[in-house]
N, C-alpha and C. Protein backbone atom coordinates (compact mmCIF):
# COMPACT_ATOMS: atom_id res chain seq x y z
N MET A 1 0.83 -1.19 0.00
CA MET A 1 0.00 0.00 0.00
C MET A 1 0.88 1.25 0.00
N ILE A 2 0.29 2.32 -0.42
CA ILE A 2 1.03 3.58 -0.50
C ILE A 2 1.47 4.04 0.88
N GLU A 3 0.61 3.88 1.87
CA GLU A 3 0.96 4.31 3.23
C GLU A 3 2.16 3.53 3.75
N ASP A 4 2.21 2.23 3.47
CA ASP A 4 3.35 1.42 3.90
C ASP A 4 4.63 1.87 3.22
N ASP A 5 4.54 2.17 1.92
CA ASP A 5 5.71 2.65 1.19
C ASP A 5 6.20 3.98 1.77
N GLU A 6 5.26 4.86 2.10
CA GLU A 6 5.65 6.16 2.65
C GLU A 6 6.31 6.00 4.02
N LYS A 7 5.83 5.03 4.81
CA LYS A 7 6.46 4.78 6.12
C LYS A 7 7.88 4.25 5.95
N THR A 8 8.07 3.40 4.95
CA THR A 8 9.37 2.78 4.72
C THR A 8 10.34 3.73 4.03
N PHE A 9 9.89 4.38 2.97
CA PHE A 9 10.79 5.18 2.13
C PHE A 9 10.62 6.68 2.30
N GLY A 10 9.64 7.11 3.06
CA GLY A 10 9.36 8.53 3.18
C GLY A 10 8.40 8.97 2.08
N ALA A 11 7.88 10.15 2.21
CA ALA A 11 6.95 10.67 1.21
C ALA A 11 7.68 10.84 -0.11
N PRO A 12 6.98 10.61 -1.22
CA PRO A 12 7.62 10.81 -2.52
C PRO A 12 8.06 12.26 -2.69
N LEU A 13 9.17 12.42 -3.35
CA LEU A 13 9.67 13.78 -3.60
C LEU A 13 8.75 14.49 -4.57
N LYS A 14 8.45 15.72 -4.26
CA LYS A 14 7.64 16.53 -5.16
C LYS A 14 8.55 17.16 -6.19
N ARG A 15 8.10 17.17 -7.42
CA ARG A 15 8.85 17.85 -8.46
C ARG A 15 8.75 19.35 -8.22
N PRO A 16 9.88 20.03 -8.16
CA PRO A 16 9.79 21.48 -7.90
C PRO A 16 9.08 22.19 -9.05
N MET A 17 8.24 23.13 -8.68
CA MET A 17 7.53 23.90 -9.70
C MET A 17 8.54 24.80 -10.40
N ALA A 18 8.49 24.82 -11.71
CA ALA A 18 9.45 25.61 -12.47
C ALA A 18 9.31 27.09 -12.13
N HIS A 19 8.14 27.61 -12.32
CA HIS A 19 7.88 29.00 -11.98
C HIS A 19 6.40 29.25 -12.14
N GLU A 20 5.87 30.01 -11.24
CA GLU A 20 4.47 30.38 -11.31
C GLU A 20 4.40 31.89 -11.42
N ILE A 21 3.74 32.37 -12.45
CA ILE A 21 3.63 33.81 -12.65
C ILE A 21 2.97 34.44 -11.43
N GLY A 22 3.59 35.48 -10.90
CA GLY A 22 3.04 36.20 -9.76
C GLY A 22 3.39 35.63 -8.40
N GLN A 23 4.18 34.55 -8.38
CA GLN A 23 4.52 33.95 -7.09
C GLN A 23 5.43 34.87 -6.29
N VAL A 24 5.43 34.69 -4.98
CA VAL A 24 6.30 35.46 -4.10
C VAL A 24 7.74 35.05 -4.36
N LEU A 25 8.60 36.02 -4.56
CA LEU A 25 10.00 35.75 -4.90
C LEU A 25 10.95 35.96 -3.72
N ASP A 26 10.43 36.47 -2.63
CA ASP A 26 11.28 36.82 -1.49
C ASP A 26 12.06 35.64 -0.92
N THR A 27 11.55 34.45 -1.04
CA THR A 27 12.20 33.28 -0.43
C THR A 27 13.23 32.64 -1.34
N LEU A 28 13.34 33.10 -2.58
CA LEU A 28 14.27 32.49 -3.54
C LEU A 28 15.67 33.10 -3.39
N SER A 29 16.68 32.26 -3.56
CA SER A 29 18.06 32.74 -3.51
C SER A 29 18.42 33.38 -4.85
N VAL A 30 19.56 34.02 -4.90
CA VAL A 30 20.03 34.63 -6.14
C VAL A 30 20.21 33.56 -7.21
N ALA A 31 20.76 32.41 -6.83
CA ALA A 31 20.95 31.31 -7.78
C ALA A 31 19.60 30.81 -8.32
N GLU A 32 18.62 30.70 -7.43
CA GLU A 32 17.29 30.27 -7.87
C GLU A 32 16.65 31.30 -8.80
N LEU A 33 16.85 32.56 -8.50
CA LEU A 33 16.34 33.61 -9.38
C LEU A 33 17.00 33.54 -10.75
N ASP A 34 18.32 33.31 -10.77
CA ASP A 34 19.04 33.16 -12.04
C ASP A 34 18.49 31.99 -12.84
N GLU A 35 18.21 30.87 -12.16
CA GLU A 35 17.65 29.70 -12.83
C GLU A 35 16.29 30.02 -13.43
N ARG A 36 15.47 30.73 -12.69
CA ARG A 36 14.13 31.09 -13.17
C ARG A 36 14.24 32.01 -14.38
N ILE A 37 15.17 32.96 -14.33
CA ILE A 37 15.36 33.89 -15.45
C ILE A 37 15.75 33.13 -16.70
N LEU A 38 16.70 32.19 -16.58
CA LEU A 38 17.10 31.38 -17.74
C LEU A 38 15.93 30.56 -18.26
N LEU A 39 15.18 29.97 -17.35
CA LEU A 39 14.02 29.17 -17.73
C LEU A 39 13.01 30.02 -18.50
N LEU A 40 12.71 31.19 -17.98
CA LEU A 40 11.73 32.07 -18.62
C LEU A 40 12.24 32.60 -19.96
N ARG A 41 13.53 32.91 -20.04
CA ARG A 41 14.08 33.37 -21.33
C ARG A 41 13.98 32.29 -22.40
N SER A 42 14.26 31.05 -22.02
CA SER A 42 14.16 29.97 -23.00
C SER A 42 12.70 29.71 -23.37
N GLU A 43 11.80 29.89 -22.43
CA GLU A 43 10.37 29.74 -22.75
C GLU A 43 9.90 30.85 -23.68
N ILE A 44 10.38 32.06 -23.47
CA ILE A 44 10.03 33.17 -24.36
C ILE A 44 10.55 32.88 -25.77
N ALA A 45 11.77 32.38 -25.88
CA ALA A 45 12.33 32.03 -27.19
C ALA A 45 11.48 30.96 -27.87
N ARG A 46 11.03 29.97 -27.10
CA ARG A 46 10.18 28.91 -27.65
C ARG A 46 8.85 29.47 -28.14
N LEU A 47 8.27 30.38 -27.36
CA LEU A 47 7.01 31.01 -27.76
C LEU A 47 7.18 31.84 -29.03
N GLU A 48 8.28 32.60 -29.10
CA GLU A 48 8.53 33.44 -30.28
C GLU A 48 8.74 32.58 -31.52
N GLU A 49 9.45 31.46 -31.37
CA GLU A 49 9.68 30.56 -32.50
C GLU A 49 8.36 29.97 -33.00
N THR A 50 7.51 29.57 -32.09
CA THR A 50 6.21 29.02 -32.46
C THR A 50 5.35 30.09 -33.13
N LYS A 51 5.42 31.30 -32.62
CA LYS A 51 4.67 32.41 -33.21
C LYS A 51 5.13 32.66 -34.65
N ARG A 52 6.46 32.68 -34.86
CA ARG A 52 6.98 32.89 -36.23
C ARG A 52 6.51 31.78 -37.16
N PHE A 53 6.53 30.54 -36.70
CA PHE A 53 6.08 29.42 -37.51
C PHE A 53 4.61 29.59 -37.90
N LYS A 54 3.79 29.98 -36.94
CA LYS A 54 2.37 30.17 -37.22
C LYS A 54 2.14 31.35 -38.17
N GLN A 55 2.90 32.42 -37.99
CA GLN A 55 2.78 33.56 -38.89
C GLN A 55 3.18 33.17 -40.31
N ASP A 56 4.25 32.40 -40.45
CA ASP A 56 4.68 31.93 -41.77
C ASP A 56 3.62 31.04 -42.40
N SER A 57 3.00 30.18 -41.60
CA SER A 57 1.94 29.31 -42.10
C SER A 57 0.74 30.13 -42.56
N GLN A 58 0.38 31.14 -41.77
CA GLN A 58 -0.74 32.00 -42.14
C GLN A 58 -0.44 32.76 -43.43
N ALA A 59 0.78 33.26 -43.56
CA ALA A 59 1.16 33.99 -44.76
C ALA A 59 1.13 33.08 -45.98
N ALA A 60 1.59 31.84 -45.83
CA ALA A 60 1.57 30.89 -46.94
C ALA A 60 0.13 30.56 -47.33
N ALA A 61 -0.74 30.38 -46.36
CA ALA A 61 -2.14 30.09 -46.65
C ALA A 61 -2.80 31.28 -47.32
N ALA A 62 -2.51 32.47 -46.86
CA ALA A 62 -3.09 33.68 -47.45
C ALA A 62 -2.62 33.83 -48.90
N ALA A 63 -1.35 33.56 -49.15
CA ALA A 63 -0.81 33.68 -50.51
C ALA A 63 -1.46 32.63 -51.43
N LEU A 64 -1.72 31.45 -50.91
CA LEU A 64 -2.33 30.38 -51.69
C LEU A 64 -3.76 30.75 -52.10
N PHE A 65 -4.50 31.35 -51.20
CA PHE A 65 -5.88 31.68 -51.49
C PHE A 65 -6.04 32.97 -52.28
N LYS A 66 -4.96 33.73 -52.45
CA LYS A 66 -5.02 34.94 -53.26
C LYS A 66 -4.91 34.63 -54.74
N LEU A 67 -4.52 33.41 -55.07
CA LEU A 67 -4.36 33.03 -56.48
C LEU A 67 -5.63 33.13 -57.18
């Protein structure tokens, strides 16, 4: 049973939350803040890349239907 496993091995480790928009930052260390900044910058880059792909797809579809 899960309760027996928790007694033997301890509670399962929780995966740390990457970042929650608006969360309190006072308890984070400088290193943790740096990690969050890198994480968010890479997420912004991923969002921008997806946006460019979608814009290119829309432009291609618009050009196709203008024929």
